[in-house]
Amino acid sequence: NARYYHDQIVDHDDNSTNSSGRSWSQRYYVWDKEFKGPGYPIFLILGGEGSIEPSTGIFYPFISHHLAKDFGAYVLEPEHRFYGKSQPVNTNKDNDERERLLTPKQALQDAVRLVKYYQTKLGCNSNKTDDEYCPVISVGGSYP
């Protein structure tokens, strides 16, 4: 089932007061059936530039059904900004921000923000030397 992260930032590079509070809802999918808890990895599937429909869900069943099981991992798959239901801004011909906001850097910053949210939610420690640190392993197409 699709989930939505409602606190994604429209422009990660804009620190002006004009942009404060500009957020959007990013669609994503998880596979949590094999997760053994803090200290186990998070597989981040970056599926590339395209929509991820609920009928598709997790792109790579090998990751969710085999690797996640072998490693006790959590699987997280965000939909790329400006594809499918993940639309950071409404566009019109007078104010089209897509050219500025549709970049690999912005998309990767979306993924980092979602991963950090999940590391906290899952109880993972941010200290890499701690036993409850959850390393992130990126897989997929295009950016990883």
N, C-alpha and C. Protein backbone atom coordinates (compact mmCIF):
# COMPACT_ATOMS: atom_id res chain seq x y z
N ASN A 1 0.83 -1.20 0.00
CA ASN A 1 0.00 0.00 0.00
C ASN A 1 0.86 1.25 0.00
N ALA A 2 0.40 2.23 -0.71
CA ALA A 2 1.12 3.50 -0.78
C ALA A 2 0.98 4.25 0.54
N ARG A 3 2.04 4.93 0.91
CA ARG A 3 2.04 5.82 2.06
C ARG A 3 2.47 7.19 1.58
N TYR A 4 2.27 8.19 2.43
CA TYR A 4 2.65 9.56 2.06
C TYR A 4 3.42 10.21 3.20
N TYR A 5 4.56 10.81 2.83
CA TYR A 5 5.36 11.59 3.77
C TYR A 5 4.98 13.05 3.54
N HIS A 6 4.26 13.63 4.49
CA HIS A 6 3.66 14.95 4.30
C HIS A 6 4.59 16.12 4.61
N ASP A 7 5.79 15.85 5.07
CA ASP A 7 6.71 16.93 5.44
C ASP A 7 7.91 17.03 4.51
N GLN A 8 7.75 16.60 3.27
CA GLN A 8 8.86 16.74 2.33
C GLN A 8 9.01 18.21 1.94
N ILE A 9 10.24 18.65 1.75
CA ILE A 9 10.53 20.06 1.47
C ILE A 9 10.48 20.32 -0.03
N VAL A 10 9.82 21.39 -0.41
CA VAL A 10 9.69 21.75 -1.83
C VAL A 10 11.06 22.05 -2.43
N ASP A 11 11.83 22.93 -1.79
CA ASP A 11 13.15 23.31 -2.31
C ASP A 11 14.18 23.19 -1.19
N HIS A 12 14.96 22.14 -1.23
CA HIS A 12 15.96 21.87 -0.19
C HIS A 12 17.06 22.92 -0.15
N ASP A 13 17.26 23.64 -1.25
CA ASP A 13 18.35 24.61 -1.33
C ASP A 13 17.93 26.04 -1.01
N ASP A 14 16.65 26.26 -0.79
CA ASP A 14 16.16 27.62 -0.54
C ASP A 14 16.03 27.85 0.96
N ASN A 15 16.92 28.66 1.49
CA ASN A 15 16.89 28.97 2.92
C ASN A 15 16.24 30.32 3.22
N SER A 16 15.62 30.92 2.22
CA SER A 16 15.01 32.23 2.42
C SER A 16 13.74 32.11 3.26
N THR A 17 13.32 33.20 3.82
CA THR A 17 12.10 33.21 4.63
C THR A 17 10.87 32.98 3.76
N ASN A 18 10.97 33.23 2.46
CA ASN A 18 9.83 33.01 1.56
C ASN A 18 9.46 31.54 1.48
N SER A 19 10.45 30.65 1.63
CA SER A 19 10.19 29.22 1.42
C SER A 19 9.86 28.47 2.70
N SER A 20 10.01 29.10 3.84
CA SER A 20 9.77 28.38 5.08
C SER A 20 8.33 27.88 5.13
N GLY A 21 8.20 26.64 5.49
CA GLY A 21 6.86 26.06 5.58
C GLY A 21 6.34 25.46 4.29
N ARG A 22 7.10 25.57 3.20
CA ARG A 22 6.65 24.98 1.93
C ARG A 22 6.99 23.50 1.93
N SER A 23 5.96 22.69 2.06
CA SER A 23 6.16 21.25 2.05
C SER A 23 5.13 20.60 1.13
N TRP A 24 5.35 19.33 0.87
CA TRP A 24 4.45 18.58 -0.01
C TRP A 24 4.42 17.13 0.44
N SER A 25 3.51 16.35 -0.12
CA SER A 25 3.34 14.94 0.26
C SER A 25 3.95 14.03 -0.80
N GLN A 26 4.96 13.28 -0.38
CA GLN A 26 5.64 12.36 -1.29
C GLN A 26 5.12 10.95 -1.07
N ARG A 27 4.75 10.32 -2.17
CA ARG A 27 4.28 8.93 -2.09
C ARG A 27 5.49 8.00 -1.97
N TYR A 28 5.32 6.94 -1.17
CA TYR A 28 6.39 5.97 -1.02
C TYR A 28 5.79 4.63 -0.58
N TYR A 29 6.63 3.61 -0.61
CA TYR A 29 6.22 2.26 -0.24
C TYR A 29 7.23 1.68 0.73
N VAL A 30 6.77 0.78 1.58
CA VAL A 30 7.67 0.10 2.51
C VAL A 30 7.40 -1.40 2.47
N TRP A 31 8.42 -2.15 2.86
CA TRP A 31 8.30 -3.57 3.13
C TRP A 31 8.92 -3.77 4.50
N ASP A 32 8.09 -4.01 5.49
CA ASP A 32 8.58 -4.09 6.87
C ASP A 32 8.46 -5.48 7.48
N LYS A 33 8.05 -6.44 6.70
CA LYS A 33 7.79 -7.79 7.22
C LYS A 33 9.03 -8.51 7.74
N GLU A 34 10.20 -8.13 7.26
CA GLU A 34 11.43 -8.82 7.65
C GLU A 34 12.29 -8.02 8.62
N PHE A 35 11.89 -6.78 8.93
CA PHE A 35 12.74 -5.91 9.73
C PHE A 35 12.88 -6.44 11.15
N LYS A 36 14.12 -6.60 11.59
CA LYS A 36 14.40 -7.15 12.92
C LYS A 36 14.63 -6.06 13.96
N GLY A 37 14.56 -4.79 13.56
CA GLY A 37 14.67 -3.71 14.53
C GLY A 37 15.96 -2.92 14.40
N PRO A 38 16.14 -1.96 15.33
CA PRO A 38 17.34 -1.13 15.30
C PRO A 38 18.62 -1.97 15.25
N GLY A 39 19.55 -1.52 14.42
CA GLY A 39 20.79 -2.25 14.23
C GLY A 39 20.81 -3.03 12.92
N TYR A 40 19.67 -3.12 12.27
CA TYR A 40 19.58 -3.83 10.99
C TYR A 40 19.44 -2.80 9.86
N PRO A 41 19.80 -3.18 8.64
CA PRO A 41 19.86 -2.20 7.55
C PRO A 41 18.50 -1.75 7.01
N ILE A 42 18.57 -0.65 6.30
CA ILE A 42 17.45 -0.13 5.52
C ILE A 42 17.87 -0.19 4.06
N PHE A 43 17.12 -0.91 3.24
CA PHE A 43 17.35 -0.91 1.80
C PHE A 43 16.53 0.22 1.21
N LEU A 44 17.17 1.15 0.55
CA LEU A 44 16.52 2.27 -0.09
C LEU A 44 16.48 2.00 -1.59
N ILE A 45 15.29 1.77 -2.11
CA ILE A 45 15.13 1.52 -3.54
C ILE A 45 14.82 2.84 -4.23
N LEU A 46 15.73 3.24 -5.12
CA LEU A 46 15.51 4.43 -5.93
C LEU A 46 15.19 3.94 -7.33
N GLY A 47 13.91 4.03 -7.67
CA GLY A 47 13.44 3.43 -8.90
C GLY A 47 13.62 4.26 -10.15
N GLY A 48 14.14 5.45 -10.01
CA GLY A 48 14.34 6.28 -11.19
C GLY A 48 13.21 7.27 -11.38
N GLU A 49 13.20 7.85 -12.55
CA GLU A 49 12.27 8.91 -12.86
C GLU A 49 10.99 8.31 -13.43
N GLY A 50 10.02 8.12 -12.57
CA GLY A 50 8.76 7.56 -13.02
C GLY A 50 7.80 7.38 -11.87
N SER A 51 6.57 7.20 -12.21
CA SER A 51 5.51 6.96 -11.25
C SER A 51 5.63 5.55 -10.67
N ILE A 52 5.22 5.39 -9.42
CA ILE A 52 5.15 4.06 -8.82
C ILE A 52 3.70 3.85 -8.38
N GLU A 53 2.98 3.13 -9.18
CA GLU A 53 1.56 2.89 -8.90
C GLU A 53 1.41 1.81 -7.84
N PRO A 54 0.32 1.84 -7.08
CA PRO A 54 0.09 0.82 -6.06
C PRO A 54 0.11 -0.60 -6.62
N SER A 55 -0.29 -0.77 -7.87
CA SER A 55 -0.27 -2.10 -8.46
C SER A 55 1.16 -2.61 -8.65
N THR A 56 2.12 -1.70 -8.69
CA THR A 56 3.54 -2.07 -8.81
C THR A 56 4.15 -2.22 -7.43
N GLY A 57 3.94 -1.22 -6.56
CA GLY A 57 4.51 -1.27 -5.22
C GLY A 57 6.03 -1.34 -5.27
N ILE A 58 6.61 -2.23 -4.47
CA ILE A 58 8.07 -2.39 -4.44
C ILE A 58 8.54 -2.92 -5.79
N PHE A 59 9.49 -2.20 -6.41
CA PHE A 59 9.97 -2.55 -7.75
C PHE A 59 10.68 -3.90 -7.81
N TYR A 60 11.49 -4.19 -6.84
CA TYR A 60 12.36 -5.36 -6.93
C TYR A 60 12.00 -6.39 -5.85
N PRO A 61 11.16 -7.37 -6.19
CA PRO A 61 10.79 -8.39 -5.21
C PRO A 61 12.00 -9.14 -4.63
N PHE A 62 13.08 -9.22 -5.38
CA PHE A 62 14.28 -9.88 -4.86
C PHE A 62 14.79 -9.15 -3.62
N ILE A 63 14.69 -7.82 -3.61
CA ILE A 63 15.13 -7.04 -2.45
C ILE A 63 14.22 -7.32 -1.26
N SER A 64 12.90 -7.21 -1.48
CA SER A 64 11.97 -7.34 -0.36
C SER A 64 11.81 -8.79 0.12
N HIS A 65 11.80 -9.74 -0.79
CA HIS A 65 11.50 -11.12 -0.40
C HIS A 65 12.73 -11.97 -0.09
N HIS A 66 13.90 -11.54 -0.54
CA HIS A 66 15.10 -12.34 -0.30
C HIS A 66 16.15 -11.59 0.52
N LEU A 67 16.63 -10.46 -0.02
CA LEU A 67 17.69 -9.74 0.70
C LEU A 67 17.20 -9.20 2.04
N ALA A 68 15.99 -8.64 2.06
CA ALA A 68 15.46 -8.12 3.34
C ALA A 68 15.36 -9.25 4.36
N LYS A 69 14.94 -10.40 3.92
CA LYS A 69 14.84 -11.56 4.82
C LYS A 69 16.22 -12.00 5.30
N ASP A 70 17.18 -12.06 4.39
CA ASP A 70 18.54 -12.49 4.75
C ASP A 70 19.21 -11.53 5.73
N PHE A 71 18.92 -10.23 5.58
CA PHE A 71 19.60 -9.21 6.40
C PHE A 71 18.73 -8.62 7.51
N GLY A 72 17.47 -9.04 7.62
CA GLY A 72 16.56 -8.49 8.62
C GLY A 72 16.27 -7.02 8.35
N ALA A 73 16.21 -6.66 7.08
CA ALA A 73 16.18 -5.25 6.66
C ALA A 73 14.77 -4.69 6.48
N TYR A 74 14.72 -3.38 6.58
CA TYR A 74 13.54 -2.59 6.26
C TYR A 74 13.72 -2.11 4.82
N VAL A 75 12.66 -2.09 4.03
CA VAL A 75 12.75 -1.65 2.64
C VAL A 75 11.90 -0.40 2.47
N LEU A 76 12.51 0.62 1.88
CA LEU A 76 11.87 1.92 1.69
C LEU A 76 12.04 2.34 0.24
N GLU A 77 10.94 2.71 -0.41
CA GLU A 77 10.99 3.09 -1.83
C GLU A 77 10.20 4.38 -2.07
N PRO A 78 10.88 5.52 -2.17
CA PRO A 78 10.16 6.78 -2.45
C PRO A 78 9.89 6.94 -3.95
N GLU A 79 8.79 7.59 -4.25
CA GLU A 79 8.49 7.96 -5.63
C GLU A 79 9.22 9.26 -5.94
N HIS A 80 9.76 9.36 -7.13
CA HIS A 80 10.52 10.54 -7.56
C HIS A 80 9.61 11.77 -7.64
N ARG A 81 10.14 12.91 -7.20
CA ARG A 81 9.38 14.16 -7.28
C ARG A 81 8.96 14.46 -8.72
N PHE A 82 7.76 14.99 -8.87
CA PHE A 82 7.14 15.37 -10.14
C PHE A 82 6.71 14.18 -10.99
N TYR A 83 6.64 12.99 -10.39
CA TYR A 83 6.11 11.82 -11.10
C TYR A 83 4.99 11.23 -10.26
N GLY A 84 3.99 10.68 -10.92
CA GLY A 84 2.87 10.06 -10.21
C GLY A 84 2.19 11.04 -9.28
N LYS A 85 1.95 10.60 -8.05
CA LYS A 85 1.26 11.42 -7.05
C LYS A 85 2.20 12.37 -6.31
N SER A 86 3.50 12.30 -6.58
CA SER A 86 4.50 13.10 -5.85
C SER A 86 4.77 14.42 -6.56
N GLN A 87 3.90 15.38 -6.33
CA GLN A 87 3.96 16.68 -7.01
C GLN A 87 4.25 17.79 -6.00
N PRO A 88 5.49 18.29 -5.96
CA PRO A 88 5.86 19.31 -4.97
C PRO A 88 5.12 20.65 -5.13
N VAL A 89 4.81 21.02 -6.35
CA VAL A 89 4.12 22.29 -6.58
C VAL A 89 3.07 22.12 -7.66
N ASN A 90 2.05 22.97 -7.58
CA ASN A 90 1.09 23.06 -8.67
C ASN A 90 1.71 23.95 -9.73
N THR A 91 1.58 23.56 -10.96
CA THR A 91 2.21 24.34 -12.02
C THR A 91 1.16 25.04 -12.87
N ASN A 92 1.55 26.17 -13.35
CA ASN A 92 0.73 26.88 -14.34
C ASN A 92 1.68 27.61 -15.27
N LYS A 93 1.17 28.12 -16.37
CA LYS A 93 2.05 28.71 -17.38
C LYS A 93 2.74 29.98 -16.89
N ASP A 94 2.19 30.66 -15.89
CA ASP A 94 2.79 31.89 -15.40
C ASP A 94 3.86 31.65 -14.34
N ASN A 95 3.78 30.52 -13.65
CA ASN A 95 4.72 30.27 -12.55
C ASN A 95 5.06 28.78 -12.53
N ASP A 96 5.95 28.37 -13.41
CA ASP A 96 6.33 26.98 -13.49
C ASP A 96 7.72 26.80 -12.88
N GLU A 97 7.76 26.21 -11.69
CA GLU A 97 9.01 26.03 -10.95
C GLU A 97 9.68 24.69 -11.25
N ARG A 98 9.10 23.88 -12.11
CA ARG A 98 9.63 22.54 -12.33
C ARG A 98 11.08 22.52 -12.80
N GLU A 99 11.44 23.43 -13.69
CA GLU A 99 12.80 23.43 -14.22
C GLU A 99 13.83 23.59 -13.09
N ARG A 100 13.51 24.39 -12.13
CA ARG A 100 14.42 24.64 -11.00
C ARG A 100 14.36 23.53 -9.96
N LEU A 101 13.21 22.90 -9.82
CA LEU A 101 13.01 21.94 -8.73
C LEU A 101 13.15 20.47 -9.15
N LEU A 102 13.13 20.20 -10.44
CA LEU A 102 13.25 18.82 -10.93
C LEU A 102 14.71 18.54 -11.27
N THR A 103 15.50 18.25 -10.23
CA THR A 103 16.93 17.98 -10.41
C THR A 103 17.31 16.72 -9.63
N PRO A 104 18.38 16.05 -10.05
CA PRO A 104 18.86 14.90 -9.27
C PRO A 104 19.18 15.29 -7.82
N LYS A 105 19.76 16.47 -7.63
CA LYS A 105 20.12 16.91 -6.28
C LYS A 105 18.88 17.02 -5.39
N GLN A 106 17.82 17.64 -5.89
CA GLN A 106 16.58 17.77 -5.10
C GLN A 106 15.99 16.39 -4.80
N ALA A 107 15.98 15.51 -5.81
CA ALA A 107 15.41 14.17 -5.62
C ALA A 107 16.21 13.37 -4.59
N LEU A 108 17.53 13.47 -4.64
CA LEU A 108 18.34 12.76 -3.65
C LEU A 108 18.16 13.34 -2.26
N GLN A 109 17.98 14.65 -2.17
CA GLN A 109 17.72 15.26 -0.87
C GLN A 109 16.36 14.82 -0.32
N ASP A 110 15.39 14.60 -1.21
CA ASP A 110 14.10 14.03 -0.78
C ASP A 110 14.33 12.67 -0.13
N ALA A 111 15.13 11.83 -0.80
CA ALA A 111 15.40 10.48 -0.28
C ALA A 111 16.10 10.54 1.07
N VAL A 112 17.08 11.42 1.20
CA VAL A 112 17.81 11.54 2.46
C VAL A 112 16.87 11.96 3.58
N ARG A 113 16.00 12.92 3.30
CA ARG A 113 15.07 13.40 4.33
C ARG A 113 14.11 12.27 4.76
N LEU A 114 13.60 11.51 3.80
CA LEU A 114 12.70 10.41 4.12
C LEU A 114 13.44 9.32 4.91
N VAL A 115 14.66 9.01 4.53
CA VAL A 115 15.44 8.01 5.26
C VAL A 115 15.69 8.45 6.69
N LYS A 116 16.07 9.69 6.89
CA LYS A 116 16.32 10.19 8.25
C LYS A 116 15.05 10.12 9.10
N TYR A 117 13.92 10.45 8.49
CA TYR A 117 12.64 10.34 9.19
C TYR A 117 12.42 8.88 9.64
N TYR A 118 12.68 7.94 8.74
CA TYR A 118 12.47 6.53 9.08
C TYR A 118 13.50 6.00 10.06
N GLN A 119 14.72 6.45 9.99
CA GLN A 119 15.71 6.02 10.97
C GLN A 119 15.24 6.40 12.38
N THR A 120 14.70 7.59 12.53
CA THR A 120 14.18 8.03 13.82
C THR A 120 12.94 7.21 14.21
N LYS A 121 12.02 7.07 13.27
CA LYS A 121 10.77 6.34 13.53
C LYS A 121 11.03 4.89 13.93
N LEU A 122 12.05 4.28 13.35
CA LEU A 122 12.35 2.88 13.63
C LEU A 122 13.22 2.69 14.87
N GLY A 123 13.66 3.79 15.47
CA GLY A 123 14.49 3.71 16.68
C GLY A 123 15.96 3.47 16.41
N CYS A 124 16.39 3.79 15.20
CA CYS A 124 17.80 3.62 14.83
C CYS A 124 18.63 4.75 15.41
N ASN A 125 19.81 4.43 15.90
CA ASN A 125 20.72 5.43 16.43
C ASN A 125 21.47 6.08 15.28
N SER A 126 21.74 7.38 15.37
CA SER A 126 22.44 8.09 14.30
C SER A 126 23.96 7.94 14.39
N ASN A 127 24.44 7.40 15.50
CA ASN A 127 25.87 7.17 15.68
C ASN A 127 26.27 5.87 14.99
N LYS A 128 27.13 5.97 13.98
CA LYS A 128 27.50 4.80 13.18
C LYS A 128 28.20 3.71 13.98
N THR A 129 28.75 4.03 15.14
CA THR A 129 29.44 3.02 15.94
C THR A 129 28.52 2.33 16.94
N ASP A 130 27.27 2.79 17.03
CA ASP A 130 26.31 2.22 17.97
C ASP A 130 25.70 0.93 17.40
N ASP A 131 25.40 -0.02 18.25
CA ASP A 131 24.80 -1.29 17.83
C ASP A 131 23.41 -1.10 17.21
N GLU A 132 22.75 0.00 17.51
CA GLU A 132 21.40 0.24 16.99
C GLU A 132 21.39 1.17 15.78
N TYR A 133 22.56 1.40 15.19
CA TYR A 133 22.65 2.17 13.95
C TYR A 133 22.12 1.32 12.81
N CYS A 134 21.30 1.90 11.95
CA CYS A 134 20.74 1.19 10.79
C CYS A 134 21.41 1.72 9.52
N PRO A 135 22.37 0.98 8.97
CA PRO A 135 23.00 1.45 7.74
C PRO A 135 22.00 1.45 6.59
N VAL A 136 22.20 2.36 5.64
CA VAL A 136 21.32 2.48 4.49
C VAL A 136 22.06 1.98 3.26
N ILE A 137 21.42 1.08 2.53
CA ILE A 137 21.98 0.51 1.31
C ILE A 137 21.07 0.91 0.16
N SER A 138 21.61 1.69 -0.75
CA SER A 138 20.84 2.18 -1.89
C SER A 138 20.95 1.21 -3.06
N VAL A 139 19.79 0.89 -3.64
CA VAL A 139 19.74 0.01 -4.81
C VAL A 139 18.73 0.56 -5.81
N GLY A 140 18.83 0.12 -7.05
CA GLY A 140 17.83 0.52 -8.01
C GLY A 140 18.40 1.08 -9.28
N GLY A 141 17.57 1.87 -9.96
CA GLY A 141 17.95 2.42 -11.23
C GLY A 141 18.18 3.91 -11.17
N SER A 142 18.92 4.40 -12.08
CA SER A 142 19.17 5.82 -12.26
C SER A 142 20.17 6.39 -11.27
N TYR A 143 19.76 6.83 -10.09
CA TYR A 143 20.65 7.57 -9.19
C TYR A 143 21.60 6.73 -8.34
N PRO A 144 21.23 5.55 -7.84
CA PRO A 144 22.15 4.89 -6.90
C PRO A 144 23.44 4.57 -7.58
